[in-house]
Amino acid sequence: MEQLREMVKTGKVDEVAGRVEELLEQGVSPEVLMKEAMIAAMEEVGDLFQQGEYFLPEMLVAAKAMQNGLEILKPALIESGVESLGRVVLGTVEGDLHDIGKRVLAMALEGAGLDVVDLGTDVSPERFVLAIEENAPQLVGLSAMLTTTMVAMEDTIEAIKSAGLRDRVKVMVGGAPIEQGFADRIGADYYGPDSTAGMKYAKQVLAEGS
């Protein structure tokens, strides 16, 4: 288990899936693998990122290693009846095609045991509303990397309100130009300065709702 955790942490992309298969064959439960290896490793990666010891390239490769392991682990989790901790809808807002930060967050959330619906980039307010109606998430994450597309975050929150869905979901915003003051002004519930902060907030929201 410790070896698998270290493989994820250090981004051994080509080795993680095989190690997961070995541990499953040895009788280790999928839930234990998820919590004690995958989630533990990504939490440690997130802490290293916040401490300035890891940077975006290290986070990306660790997240990719974790994702490779999850591809093997997910069928076993489903078969064993382990339920997702909750669901999150993510998207980069309308007019913005930047994807890296959102993808890192999506992988971190999956590694933490959450079900992620990633809408991609250039997502209109109407698509966010539809995704909430179809997927019933507890949390919606809006990303923007340009000052010119920040306004689309406010438009999206207003659309969610107009659809009568605002009280059903928490709204988290993030991206390079976003600051706490802006998040407060547009009525977001949380501003995530990085993917680790976003992951921790998502887990907090889902824990409170359980």
N, C-alpha and C. Protein backbone atom coordinates (compact mmCIF):
# COMPACT_ATOMS: atom_id res chain seq x y z
N MET A 1 0.83 -1.21 0.00
CA MET A 1 0.00 0.00 0.00
C MET A 1 0.87 1.26 0.00
N GLU A 2 1.90 1.24 0.85
CA GLU A 2 2.81 2.38 0.92
C GLU A 2 3.50 2.61 -0.42
N GLN A 3 3.84 1.51 -1.09
CA GLN A 3 4.50 1.61 -2.40
C GLN A 3 3.57 2.26 -3.41
N LEU A 4 2.30 1.89 -3.40
CA LEU A 4 1.34 2.48 -4.33
C LEU A 4 1.16 3.97 -4.05
N ARG A 5 1.07 4.31 -2.77
CA ARG A 5 0.92 5.72 -2.40
C ARG A 5 2.09 6.54 -2.91
N GLU A 6 3.29 5.98 -2.78
CA GLU A 6 4.50 6.67 -3.24
C GLU A 6 4.52 6.77 -4.76
N MET A 7 4.04 5.74 -5.44
CA MET A 7 3.98 5.76 -6.91
C MET A 7 3.09 6.89 -7.41
N VAL A 8 1.94 7.06 -6.75
CA VAL A 8 1.03 8.15 -7.14
C VAL A 8 1.68 9.49 -6.84
N LYS A 9 2.21 9.62 -5.65
CA LYS A 9 2.82 10.88 -5.21
C LYS A 9 3.95 11.32 -6.13
N THR A 10 4.75 10.37 -6.59
CA THR A 10 5.91 10.72 -7.43
C THR A 10 5.62 10.59 -8.92
N GLY A 11 4.36 10.32 -9.28
CA GLY A 11 3.97 10.34 -10.68
C GLY A 11 4.48 9.19 -11.51
N LYS A 12 4.50 7.98 -10.93
CA LYS A 12 4.91 6.80 -11.71
C LYS A 12 3.73 6.34 -12.57
N VAL A 13 3.47 7.10 -13.63
CA VAL A 13 2.27 6.93 -14.45
C VAL A 13 2.13 5.52 -14.99
N ASP A 14 3.23 4.92 -15.44
CA ASP A 14 3.17 3.61 -16.10
C ASP A 14 3.14 2.43 -15.13
N GLU A 15 3.34 2.69 -13.84
CA GLU A 15 3.44 1.60 -12.88
C GLU A 15 2.23 1.46 -11.97
N VAL A 16 1.45 2.54 -11.84
CA VAL A 16 0.37 2.56 -10.85
C VAL A 16 -0.71 1.53 -11.15
N ALA A 17 -1.16 1.46 -12.40
CA ALA A 17 -2.26 0.54 -12.74
C ALA A 17 -1.89 -0.90 -12.40
N GLY A 18 -0.67 -1.31 -12.74
CA GLY A 18 -0.23 -2.66 -12.45
C GLY A 18 -0.19 -2.95 -10.96
N ARG A 19 0.24 -1.96 -10.19
CA ARG A 19 0.30 -2.16 -8.74
C ARG A 19 -1.11 -2.27 -8.15
N VAL A 20 -2.05 -1.48 -8.67
CA VAL A 20 -3.44 -1.59 -8.21
C VAL A 20 -3.97 -2.99 -8.49
N GLU A 21 -3.71 -3.50 -9.69
CA GLU A 21 -4.16 -4.85 -10.04
C GLU A 21 -3.58 -5.89 -9.10
N GLU A 22 -2.29 -5.76 -8.79
CA GLU A 22 -1.63 -6.71 -7.89
C GLU A 22 -2.28 -6.70 -6.51
N LEU A 23 -2.54 -5.52 -5.98
CA LEU A 23 -3.13 -5.41 -4.64
C LEU A 23 -4.56 -5.95 -4.61
N LEU A 24 -5.32 -5.70 -5.69
CA LEU A 24 -6.68 -6.25 -5.76
C LEU A 24 -6.63 -7.78 -5.79
N GLU A 25 -5.67 -8.33 -6.55
CA GLU A 25 -5.52 -9.79 -6.64
C GLU A 25 -5.10 -10.39 -5.29
N GLN A 26 -4.39 -9.60 -4.49
CA GLN A 26 -3.95 -10.06 -3.17
C GLN A 26 -5.08 -9.96 -2.14
N GLY A 27 -6.23 -9.43 -2.56
CA GLY A 27 -7.37 -9.38 -1.66
C GLY A 27 -7.56 -8.08 -0.91
N VAL A 28 -6.78 -7.04 -1.25
CA VAL A 28 -6.97 -5.74 -0.60
C VAL A 28 -8.28 -5.14 -1.13
N SER A 29 -9.10 -4.63 -0.24
CA SER A 29 -10.41 -4.13 -0.65
C SER A 29 -10.27 -2.85 -1.47
N PRO A 30 -11.14 -2.66 -2.48
CA PRO A 30 -11.09 -1.44 -3.29
C PRO A 30 -11.23 -0.18 -2.46
N GLU A 31 -12.08 -0.22 -1.42
CA GLU A 31 -12.30 0.96 -0.59
C GLU A 31 -11.03 1.35 0.16
N VAL A 32 -10.32 0.34 0.66
CA VAL A 32 -9.06 0.61 1.36
C VAL A 32 -8.03 1.19 0.40
N LEU A 33 -7.95 0.62 -0.79
CA LEU A 33 -7.03 1.16 -1.81
C LEU A 33 -7.35 2.61 -2.12
N MET A 34 -8.63 2.92 -2.26
CA MET A 34 -9.05 4.27 -2.59
C MET A 34 -8.67 5.25 -1.49
N LYS A 35 -9.03 4.91 -0.25
CA LYS A 35 -8.82 5.84 0.86
C LYS A 35 -7.37 5.93 1.31
N GLU A 36 -6.71 4.77 1.44
CA GLU A 36 -5.38 4.75 2.05
C GLU A 36 -4.24 4.94 1.05
N ALA A 37 -4.55 4.81 -0.24
CA ALA A 37 -3.51 5.01 -1.25
C ALA A 37 -3.82 6.21 -2.12
N MET A 38 -4.92 6.15 -2.89
CA MET A 38 -5.23 7.21 -3.84
C MET A 38 -5.50 8.55 -3.16
N ILE A 39 -6.47 8.55 -2.25
CA ILE A 39 -6.84 9.80 -1.59
C ILE A 39 -5.69 10.32 -0.74
N ALA A 40 -5.06 9.43 0.01
CA ALA A 40 -3.94 9.84 0.86
C ALA A 40 -2.80 10.45 0.05
N ALA A 41 -2.50 9.84 -1.10
CA ALA A 41 -1.41 10.33 -1.95
C ALA A 41 -1.74 11.71 -2.50
N MET A 42 -2.97 11.91 -2.98
CA MET A 42 -3.32 13.19 -3.58
C MET A 42 -3.42 14.29 -2.51
N GLU A 43 -3.82 13.93 -1.30
CA GLU A 43 -3.83 14.93 -0.23
C GLU A 43 -2.40 15.37 0.10
N GLU A 44 -1.48 14.40 0.07
CA GLU A 44 -0.08 14.74 0.33
C GLU A 44 0.49 15.60 -0.80
N VAL A 45 0.14 15.27 -2.03
CA VAL A 45 0.57 16.08 -3.18
C VAL A 45 0.04 17.50 -3.04
N GLY A 46 -1.23 17.61 -2.65
CA GLY A 46 -1.83 18.94 -2.48
C GLY A 46 -1.14 19.75 -1.40
N ASP A 47 -0.79 19.09 -0.31
CA ASP A 47 -0.08 19.79 0.76
C ASP A 47 1.30 20.25 0.29
N LEU A 48 1.99 19.41 -0.46
CA LEU A 48 3.31 19.79 -0.98
C LEU A 48 3.20 20.97 -1.94
N PHE A 49 2.11 21.00 -2.72
CA PHE A 49 1.88 22.12 -3.64
C PHE A 49 1.66 23.41 -2.86
N GLN A 50 0.85 23.35 -1.82
CA GLN A 50 0.57 24.55 -1.03
C GLN A 50 1.80 25.03 -0.27
N GLN A 51 2.70 24.10 0.05
CA GLN A 51 3.93 24.45 0.76
C GLN A 51 5.02 24.96 -0.20
N GLY A 52 4.75 24.91 -1.49
CA GLY A 52 5.71 25.38 -2.48
C GLY A 52 6.78 24.36 -2.83
N GLU A 53 6.61 23.10 -2.40
CA GLU A 53 7.58 22.06 -2.71
C GLU A 53 7.24 21.34 -4.02
N TYR A 54 5.96 21.37 -4.40
CA TYR A 54 5.52 20.84 -5.68
C TYR A 54 4.98 22.00 -6.51
N PHE A 55 5.12 21.88 -7.83
CA PHE A 55 4.59 22.89 -8.73
C PHE A 55 3.63 22.22 -9.71
N LEU A 56 3.06 22.98 -10.64
CA LEU A 56 2.03 22.45 -11.52
C LEU A 56 2.47 21.19 -12.27
N PRO A 57 3.69 21.12 -12.82
CA PRO A 57 4.09 19.89 -13.54
C PRO A 57 4.04 18.65 -12.63
N GLU A 58 4.51 18.79 -11.38
CA GLU A 58 4.48 17.65 -10.46
C GLU A 58 3.04 17.25 -10.12
N MET A 59 2.19 18.26 -9.95
CA MET A 59 0.78 17.96 -9.67
C MET A 59 0.12 17.24 -10.84
N LEU A 60 0.41 17.70 -12.04
CA LEU A 60 -0.20 17.10 -13.23
C LEU A 60 0.20 15.64 -13.38
N VAL A 61 1.48 15.34 -13.18
CA VAL A 61 1.95 13.96 -13.39
C VAL A 61 1.43 13.06 -12.27
N ALA A 62 1.32 13.58 -11.04
CA ALA A 62 0.76 12.79 -9.95
C ALA A 62 -0.72 12.51 -10.22
N ALA A 63 -1.42 13.54 -10.70
CA ALA A 63 -2.85 13.38 -11.00
C ALA A 63 -3.05 12.36 -12.13
N LYS A 64 -2.17 12.37 -13.10
CA LYS A 64 -2.27 11.40 -14.20
C LYS A 64 -2.01 9.98 -13.69
N ALA A 65 -1.04 9.83 -12.81
CA ALA A 65 -0.76 8.51 -12.22
C ALA A 65 -1.98 8.02 -11.44
N MET A 66 -2.57 8.93 -10.65
CA MET A 66 -3.77 8.58 -9.89
C MET A 66 -4.90 8.17 -10.82
N GLN A 67 -5.06 8.91 -11.91
CA GLN A 67 -6.14 8.62 -12.86
C GLN A 67 -5.96 7.24 -13.49
N ASN A 68 -4.72 6.88 -13.81
CA ASN A 68 -4.46 5.55 -14.36
C ASN A 68 -4.85 4.45 -13.37
N GLY A 69 -4.57 4.69 -12.09
CA GLY A 69 -4.95 3.73 -11.07
C GLY A 69 -6.46 3.65 -10.91
N LEU A 70 -7.13 4.80 -11.01
CA LEU A 70 -8.59 4.83 -10.85
C LEU A 70 -9.30 4.06 -11.96
N GLU A 71 -8.72 4.06 -13.16
CA GLU A 71 -9.34 3.33 -14.27
C GLU A 71 -9.44 1.84 -13.95
N ILE A 72 -8.47 1.32 -13.23
CA ILE A 72 -8.50 -0.08 -12.80
C ILE A 72 -9.40 -0.24 -11.58
N LEU A 73 -9.36 0.73 -10.70
CA LEU A 73 -10.05 0.62 -9.40
C LEU A 73 -11.55 0.84 -9.49
N LYS A 74 -12.00 1.72 -10.39
CA LYS A 74 -13.43 2.08 -10.43
C LYS A 74 -14.37 0.89 -10.62
N PRO A 75 -14.10 -0.01 -11.56
CA PRO A 75 -15.00 -1.17 -11.69
C PRO A 75 -15.08 -2.01 -10.42
N ALA A 76 -13.95 -2.14 -9.73
CA ALA A 76 -13.94 -2.91 -8.48
C ALA A 76 -14.71 -2.18 -7.39
N LEU A 77 -14.62 -0.86 -7.36
CA LEU A 77 -15.38 -0.08 -6.39
C LEU A 77 -16.88 -0.24 -6.62
N ILE A 78 -17.29 -0.17 -7.88
CA ILE A 78 -18.71 -0.32 -8.22
C ILE A 78 -19.21 -1.70 -7.84
N GLU A 79 -18.39 -2.71 -8.18
CA GLU A 79 -18.76 -4.10 -7.90
C GLU A 79 -18.90 -4.36 -6.40
N SER A 80 -18.06 -3.68 -5.62
CA SER A 80 -18.09 -3.90 -4.17
C SER A 80 -19.14 -3.02 -3.48
N GLY A 81 -19.81 -2.17 -4.26
CA GLY A 81 -20.89 -1.36 -3.70
C GLY A 81 -20.44 -0.10 -3.01
N VAL A 82 -19.19 0.30 -3.22
CA VAL A 82 -18.70 1.55 -2.60
C VAL A 82 -19.28 2.72 -3.37
N GLU A 83 -19.97 3.60 -2.66
CA GLU A 83 -20.61 4.73 -3.30
C GLU A 83 -19.68 5.94 -3.35
N SER A 84 -19.91 6.79 -4.37
CA SER A 84 -19.18 8.06 -4.46
C SER A 84 -19.53 8.93 -3.26
N LEU A 85 -18.59 9.75 -2.84
CA LEU A 85 -18.83 10.67 -1.73
C LEU A 85 -19.82 11.77 -2.10
N GLY A 86 -19.99 12.00 -3.39
CA GLY A 86 -20.88 13.06 -3.86
C GLY A 86 -20.52 13.47 -5.27
N ARG A 87 -21.23 14.45 -5.80
CA ARG A 87 -21.03 14.83 -7.20
C ARG A 87 -20.74 16.31 -7.33
N VAL A 88 -19.81 16.62 -8.23
CA VAL A 88 -19.41 18.00 -8.51
C VAL A 88 -19.48 18.24 -10.01
N VAL A 89 -20.06 19.38 -10.41
CA VAL A 89 -20.05 19.80 -11.81
C VAL A 89 -19.00 20.89 -11.97
N LEU A 90 -18.13 20.74 -12.96
CA LEU A 90 -17.08 21.72 -13.23
C LEU A 90 -17.16 22.22 -14.66
N GLY A 91 -16.74 23.46 -14.88
CA GLY A 91 -16.65 23.97 -16.24
C GLY A 91 -15.91 25.29 -16.28
N THR A 92 -15.24 25.55 -17.39
CA THR A 92 -14.68 26.87 -17.65
C THR A 92 -15.77 27.71 -18.32
N VAL A 93 -15.96 28.92 -17.83
CA VAL A 93 -17.14 29.70 -18.23
C VAL A 93 -17.10 30.15 -19.69
N GLU A 94 -18.23 30.63 -20.14
CA GLU A 94 -18.43 31.02 -21.54
C GLU A 94 -17.38 32.02 -22.01
N GLY A 95 -16.82 31.76 -23.20
CA GLY A 95 -15.84 32.64 -23.79
C GLY A 95 -14.40 32.33 -23.42
N ASP A 96 -14.21 31.37 -22.53
CA ASP A 96 -12.86 31.04 -22.02
C ASP A 96 -12.52 29.60 -22.40
N LEU A 97 -11.37 29.40 -23.03
CA LEU A 97 -10.98 28.08 -23.50
C LEU A 97 -9.86 27.45 -22.67
N HIS A 98 -9.52 28.06 -21.56
CA HIS A 98 -8.44 27.53 -20.72
C HIS A 98 -8.92 26.33 -19.92
N ASP A 99 -8.06 25.32 -19.82
CA ASP A 99 -8.53 24.03 -19.32
C ASP A 99 -7.64 23.40 -18.24
N ILE A 100 -6.37 23.80 -18.16
CA ILE A 100 -5.43 23.05 -17.33
C ILE A 100 -5.81 23.09 -15.85
N GLY A 101 -6.07 24.27 -15.31
CA GLY A 101 -6.40 24.37 -13.90
C GLY A 101 -7.63 23.56 -13.54
N LYS A 102 -8.64 23.63 -14.39
CA LYS A 102 -9.88 22.88 -14.14
C LYS A 102 -9.62 21.39 -14.21
N ARG A 103 -8.79 20.95 -15.15
CA ARG A 103 -8.51 19.51 -15.26
C ARG A 103 -7.76 19.00 -14.05
N VAL A 104 -6.83 19.80 -13.54
CA VAL A 104 -6.10 19.39 -12.33
C VAL A 104 -7.07 19.25 -11.16
N LEU A 105 -8.00 20.21 -11.03
CA LEU A 105 -8.99 20.13 -9.96
C LEU A 105 -9.88 18.89 -10.14
N ALA A 106 -10.29 18.64 -11.38
CA ALA A 106 -11.15 17.48 -11.64
C ALA A 106 -10.45 16.18 -11.23
N MET A 107 -9.18 16.06 -11.56
CA MET A 107 -8.44 14.85 -11.21
C MET A 107 -8.24 14.74 -9.70
N ALA A 108 -8.00 15.89 -9.04
CA ALA A 108 -7.85 15.88 -7.58
C ALA A 108 -9.16 15.46 -6.91
N LEU A 109 -10.28 15.94 -7.43
CA LEU A 109 -11.58 15.59 -6.87
C LEU A 109 -11.88 14.10 -7.06
N GLU A 110 -11.57 13.59 -8.25
CA GLU A 110 -11.78 12.16 -8.49
C GLU A 110 -10.90 11.33 -7.56
N GLY A 111 -9.67 11.79 -7.36
CA GLY A 111 -8.76 11.09 -6.47
C GLY A 111 -9.23 11.11 -5.03
N ALA A 112 -10.09 12.09 -4.68
CA ALA A 112 -10.64 12.19 -3.34
C ALA A 112 -11.95 11.43 -3.20
N GLY A 113 -12.34 10.70 -4.25
CA GLY A 113 -13.52 9.86 -4.18
C GLY A 113 -14.81 10.51 -4.60
N LEU A 114 -14.72 11.62 -5.32
CA LEU A 114 -15.91 12.33 -5.76
C LEU A 114 -16.22 12.01 -7.21
N ASP A 115 -17.49 12.07 -7.56
CA ASP A 115 -17.95 11.88 -8.92
C ASP A 115 -17.93 13.24 -9.62
N VAL A 116 -17.15 13.38 -10.68
CA VAL A 116 -16.96 14.68 -11.34
C VAL A 116 -17.62 14.68 -12.72
N VAL A 117 -18.44 15.69 -12.95
CA VAL A 117 -19.01 15.92 -14.28
C VAL A 117 -18.30 17.15 -14.84
N ASP A 118 -17.38 16.92 -15.78
CA ASP A 118 -16.58 18.00 -16.36
C ASP A 118 -17.21 18.44 -17.67
N LEU A 119 -17.72 19.67 -17.70
CA LEU A 119 -18.41 20.19 -18.89
C LEU A 119 -17.45 20.75 -19.93
N GLY A 120 -16.16 20.83 -19.59
CA GLY A 120 -15.18 21.33 -20.54
C GLY A 120 -15.03 22.84 -20.47
N THR A 121 -14.76 23.45 -21.63
CA THR A 121 -14.52 24.90 -21.69
C THR A 121 -15.63 25.61 -22.45
N ASP A 122 -15.62 26.95 -22.35
CA ASP A 122 -16.60 27.78 -23.05
C ASP A 122 -18.03 27.31 -22.75
N VAL A 123 -18.32 27.14 -21.46
CA VAL A 123 -19.61 26.59 -21.04
C VAL A 123 -20.59 27.73 -20.76
N SER A 124 -21.69 27.74 -21.45
CA SER A 124 -22.69 28.80 -21.28
C SER A 124 -23.42 28.65 -19.95
N PRO A 125 -23.99 29.74 -19.44
CA PRO A 125 -24.81 29.64 -18.21
C PRO A 125 -25.91 28.60 -18.35
N GLU A 126 -26.50 28.51 -19.53
CA GLU A 126 -27.60 27.56 -19.76
C GLU A 126 -27.12 26.12 -19.63
N ARG A 127 -25.89 25.83 -20.09
CA ARG A 127 -25.35 24.47 -19.97
C ARG A 127 -25.08 24.11 -18.52
N PHE A 128 -24.62 25.09 -17.73
CA PHE A 128 -24.44 24.84 -16.31
C PHE A 128 -25.78 24.50 -15.65
N VAL A 129 -26.80 25.28 -15.98
CA VAL A 129 -28.13 25.05 -15.41
C VAL A 129 -28.62 23.65 -15.77
N LEU A 130 -28.47 23.28 -17.04
CA LEU A 130 -28.91 21.96 -17.49
C LEU A 130 -28.15 20.85 -16.76
N ALA A 131 -26.85 21.04 -16.57
CA ALA A 131 -26.03 20.04 -15.88
C ALA A 131 -26.47 19.86 -14.43
N ILE A 132 -26.87 20.95 -13.79
CA ILE A 132 -27.36 20.86 -12.41
C ILE A 132 -28.67 20.08 -12.38
N GLU A 133 -29.55 20.38 -13.33
CA GLU A 133 -30.84 19.68 -13.39
C GLU A 133 -30.65 18.19 -13.66
N GLU A 134 -29.70 17.85 -14.53
CA GLU A 134 -29.53 16.46 -14.93
C GLU A 134 -28.72 15.63 -13.93
N ASN A 135 -27.78 16.27 -13.22
CA ASN A 135 -26.83 15.51 -12.40
C ASN A 135 -27.01 15.69 -10.89
N ALA A 136 -27.81 16.67 -10.49
CA ALA A 136 -28.07 16.93 -9.06
C ALA A 136 -26.79 16.97 -8.23
N PRO A 137 -25.82 17.81 -8.60
CA PRO A 137 -24.59 17.89 -7.81
C PRO A 137 -24.81 18.68 -6.52
N GLN A 138 -23.91 18.49 -5.58
CA GLN A 138 -23.92 19.30 -4.38
C GLN A 138 -23.10 20.58 -4.55
N LEU A 139 -22.21 20.57 -5.54
CA LEU A 139 -21.27 21.67 -5.74
C LEU A 139 -21.06 21.92 -7.23
N VAL A 140 -20.95 23.19 -7.60
CA VAL A 140 -20.63 23.58 -8.97
C VAL A 140 -19.37 24.44 -8.93
N GLY A 141 -18.39 24.11 -9.78
CA GLY A 141 -17.15 24.86 -9.84
C GLY A 141 -17.04 25.62 -11.15
N LEU A 142 -16.82 26.93 -11.06
CA LEU A 142 -16.68 27.78 -12.25
C LEU A 142 -15.24 28.27 -12.35
N SER A 143 -14.64 28.09 -13.53
CA SER A 143 -13.26 28.52 -13.75
C SER A 143 -13.20 29.60 -14.81
N ALA A 144 -12.32 30.59 -14.59
CA ALA A 144 -12.05 31.61 -15.60
C ALA A 144 -10.59 32.01 -15.49
N MET A 145 -9.92 32.11 -16.63
CA MET A 145 -8.50 32.48 -16.63
C MET A 145 -8.24 33.84 -17.25
N LEU A 146 -9.29 34.52 -17.71
CA LEU A 146 -9.15 35.81 -18.36
C LEU A 146 -10.02 36.85 -17.65
N THR A 147 -9.50 38.06 -17.52
CA THR A 147 -10.31 39.13 -16.92
C THR A 147 -11.55 39.40 -17.75
N THR A 148 -11.47 39.17 -19.05
CA THR A 148 -12.61 39.45 -19.93
C THR A 148 -13.72 38.42 -19.80
N THR A 149 -13.42 37.26 -19.22
CA THR A 149 -14.47 36.23 -19.08
C THR A 149 -14.98 36.10 -17.64
N MET A 150 -14.42 36.88 -16.73
CA MET A 150 -14.86 36.82 -15.35
C MET A 150 -16.35 37.13 -15.20
N VAL A 151 -16.82 38.06 -16.03
CA VAL A 151 -18.23 38.47 -15.95
C VAL A 151 -19.17 37.30 -16.19
N ALA A 152 -18.70 36.31 -16.96
CA ALA A 152 -19.54 35.14 -17.24
C ALA A 152 -19.81 34.33 -15.98
N MET A 153 -18.96 34.46 -14.98
CA MET A 153 -19.21 33.78 -13.71
C MET A 153 -20.47 34.34 -13.05
N GLU A 154 -20.56 35.67 -13.03
CA GLU A 154 -21.75 36.32 -12.45
C GLU A 154 -22.99 35.96 -13.25
N ASP A 155 -22.87 35.95 -14.59
CA ASP A 155 -24.00 35.57 -15.44
C ASP A 155 -24.46 34.15 -15.13
N THR A 156 -23.51 33.26 -14.88
CA THR A 156 -23.84 31.87 -14.60
C THR A 156 -24.56 31.73 -13.26
N ILE A 157 -24.06 32.44 -12.25
CA ILE A 157 -24.72 32.39 -10.94
C ILE A 157 -26.13 32.95 -11.03
N GLU A 158 -26.30 34.02 -11.80
CA GLU A 158 -27.64 34.60 -11.98
C GLU A 158 -28.57 33.62 -12.69
N ALA A 159 -28.03 32.90 -13.67
CA ALA A 159 -28.84 31.91 -14.39
C ALA A 159 -29.27 30.78 -13.46
N ILE A 160 -28.37 30.36 -12.58
CA ILE A 160 -28.69 29.31 -11.62
C ILE A 160 -29.80 29.79 -10.67
N LYS A 161 -29.70 31.06 -10.26
CA LYS A 161 -30.74 31.65 -9.41
C LYS A 161 -32.08 31.69 -10.14
N SER A 162 -32.05 32.18 -11.38
CA SER A 162 -33.28 32.33 -12.16
C SER A 162 -33.97 30.99 -12.39
N ALA A 163 -33.19 29.92 -12.46
CA ALA A 163 -33.75 28.58 -12.67
C ALA A 163 -34.27 27.97 -11.37
N GLY A 164 -34.11 28.70 -10.25
CA GLY A 164 -34.58 28.20 -8.97
C GLY A 164 -33.72 27.11 -8.37
N LEU A 165 -32.43 27.09 -8.75
CA LEU A 165 -31.54 26.01 -8.33
C LEU A 165 -30.47 26.44 -7.34
N ARG A 166 -30.42 27.75 -7.05
CA ARG A 166 -29.30 28.26 -6.25
C ARG A 166 -29.22 27.65 -4.86
N ASP A 167 -30.37 27.37 -4.26
CA ASP A 167 -30.34 26.82 -2.90
C ASP A 167 -29.99 25.34 -2.87
N ARG A 168 -29.87 24.73 -4.04
CA ARG A 168 -29.54 23.30 -4.10
C ARG A 168 -28.03 23.03 -4.18
N VAL A 169 -27.26 24.05 -4.59
CA VAL A 169 -25.83 23.83 -4.82
C VAL A 169 -24.99 24.94 -4.20
N LYS A 170 -23.79 24.57 -3.80
CA LYS A 170 -22.77 25.56 -3.47
C LYS A 170 -22.02 25.90 -4.75
N VAL A 171 -21.59 27.14 -4.87
CA VAL A 171 -20.84 27.57 -6.06
C VAL A 171 -19.43 27.99 -5.66
N MET A 172 -18.45 27.34 -6.29
CA MET A 172 -17.04 27.62 -6.05
C MET A 172 -16.45 28.24 -7.31
N VAL A 173 -15.65 29.30 -7.16
CA VAL A 173 -15.02 29.94 -8.33
C VAL A 173 -13.51 29.94 -8.16
N GLY A 174 -12.80 29.95 -9.29
CA GLY A 174 -11.35 29.98 -9.24
C GLY A 174 -10.77 30.33 -10.59
N GLY A 175 -9.46 30.60 -10.60
CA GLY A 175 -8.76 30.99 -11.82
C GLY A 175 -7.82 32.13 -11.54
N ALA A 176 -6.87 32.35 -12.43
CA ALA A 176 -5.80 33.33 -12.20
C ALA A 176 -6.28 34.73 -11.84
N PRO A 177 -7.29 35.30 -12.51
CA PRO A 177 -7.67 36.68 -12.19
C PRO A 177 -8.65 36.82 -11.03
N ILE A 178 -9.11 35.70 -10.48
CA ILE A 178 -10.16 35.74 -9.46
C ILE A 178 -9.57 36.02 -8.09
N GLU A 179 -10.26 36.86 -7.33
CA GLU A 179 -9.87 37.17 -5.95
C GLU A 179 -11.09 37.05 -5.06
N GLN A 180 -10.84 37.02 -3.75
CA GLN A 180 -11.93 36.84 -2.80
C GLN A 180 -13.00 37.92 -2.92
N GLY A 181 -12.56 39.16 -3.11
CA GLY A 181 -13.52 40.26 -3.22
C GLY A 181 -14.47 40.09 -4.39
N PHE A 182 -13.96 39.62 -5.50
CA PHE A 182 -14.80 39.38 -6.68
C PHE A 182 -15.78 38.25 -6.40
N ALA A 183 -15.29 37.19 -5.78
CA ALA A 183 -16.15 36.06 -5.45
C ALA A 183 -17.30 36.51 -4.54
N ASP A 184 -16.99 37.36 -3.58
CA ASP A 184 -18.02 37.88 -2.68
C ASP A 184 -19.04 38.72 -3.44
N ARG A 185 -18.56 39.55 -4.35
CA ARG A 185 -19.46 40.46 -5.08
C ARG A 185 -20.45 39.71 -5.96
N ILE A 186 -20.03 38.61 -6.55
CA ILE A 186 -20.93 37.90 -7.47
C ILE A 186 -21.77 36.84 -6.76
N GLY A 187 -21.58 36.70 -5.45
CA GLY A 187 -22.41 35.78 -4.69
C GLY A 187 -21.96 34.33 -4.69
N ALA A 188 -20.65 34.09 -4.95
CA ALA A 188 -20.13 32.73 -4.88
C ALA A 188 -20.00 32.31 -3.41
N ASP A 189 -20.06 31.02 -3.16
CA ASP A 189 -19.92 30.52 -1.79
C ASP A 189 -18.46 30.39 -1.38
N TYR A 190 -17.58 30.21 -2.38
CA TYR A 190 -16.19 29.94 -2.03
C TYR A 190 -15.28 30.34 -3.18
N TYR A 191 -14.12 30.90 -2.84
CA TYR A 191 -13.06 31.18 -3.81
C TYR A 191 -11.91 30.22 -3.53
N GLY A 192 -11.56 29.42 -4.54
CA GLY A 192 -10.47 28.47 -4.40
C GLY A 192 -9.21 28.98 -5.07
N PRO A 193 -8.18 29.34 -4.31
CA PRO A 193 -6.95 29.86 -4.91
C PRO A 193 -6.15 28.81 -5.68
N ASP A 194 -6.37 27.52 -5.38
CA ASP A 194 -5.69 26.46 -6.11
C ASP A 194 -6.51 25.18 -6.00
N SER A 195 -6.07 24.15 -6.71
CA SER A 195 -6.86 22.91 -6.78
C SER A 195 -6.95 22.21 -5.42
N THR A 196 -5.90 22.32 -4.61
CA THR A 196 -5.93 21.67 -3.31
C THR A 196 -6.97 22.32 -2.40
N ALA A 197 -7.02 23.64 -2.41
CA ALA A 197 -8.04 24.34 -1.62
C ALA A 197 -9.43 23.97 -2.12
N GLY A 198 -9.58 23.89 -3.45
CA GLY A 198 -10.88 23.52 -4.02
C GLY A 198 -11.29 22.11 -3.61
N MET A 199 -10.34 21.18 -3.62
CA MET A 199 -10.64 19.80 -3.24
C MET A 199 -11.07 19.73 -1.77
N LYS A 200 -10.37 20.45 -0.91
CA LYS A 200 -10.69 20.42 0.52
C LYS A 200 -12.08 21.03 0.76
N TYR A 201 -12.39 22.11 0.05
CA TYR A 201 -13.71 22.72 0.21
C TYR A 201 -14.80 21.77 -0.27
N ALA A 202 -14.57 21.11 -1.41
CA ALA A 202 -15.56 20.17 -1.94
C ALA A 202 -15.83 19.06 -0.94
N LYS A 203 -14.78 18.51 -0.34
CA LYS A 203 -14.95 17.45 0.65
C LYS A 203 -15.72 17.96 1.87
N GLN A 204 -15.47 19.21 2.24
CA GLN A 204 -16.18 19.81 3.38
C GLN A 204 -17.67 19.95 3.06
N VAL A 205 -17.99 20.44 1.86
CA VAL A 205 -19.38 20.61 1.45
C VAL A 205 -20.12 19.27 1.46
N LEU A 206 -19.47 18.26 0.90
CA LEU A 206 -20.12 16.95 0.80
C LEU A 206 -20.25 16.30 2.18
N ALA A 207 -19.29 16.53 3.06
CA ALA A 207 -19.38 15.99 4.41
C ALA A 207 -20.53 16.64 5.18
N GLU A 208 -20.70 17.94 4.99
CA GLU A 208 -21.78 18.66 5.67
C GLU A 208 -23.15 18.24 5.16
N GLY A 209 -23.19 17.83 3.88
CA GLY A 209 -24.47 17.47 3.29
C GLY A 209 -24.86 16.03 3.50
N SER A 210 -23.91 15.22 4.05
CA SER A 210 -24.17 13.79 4.20
C SER A 210 -24.92 13.49 5.49
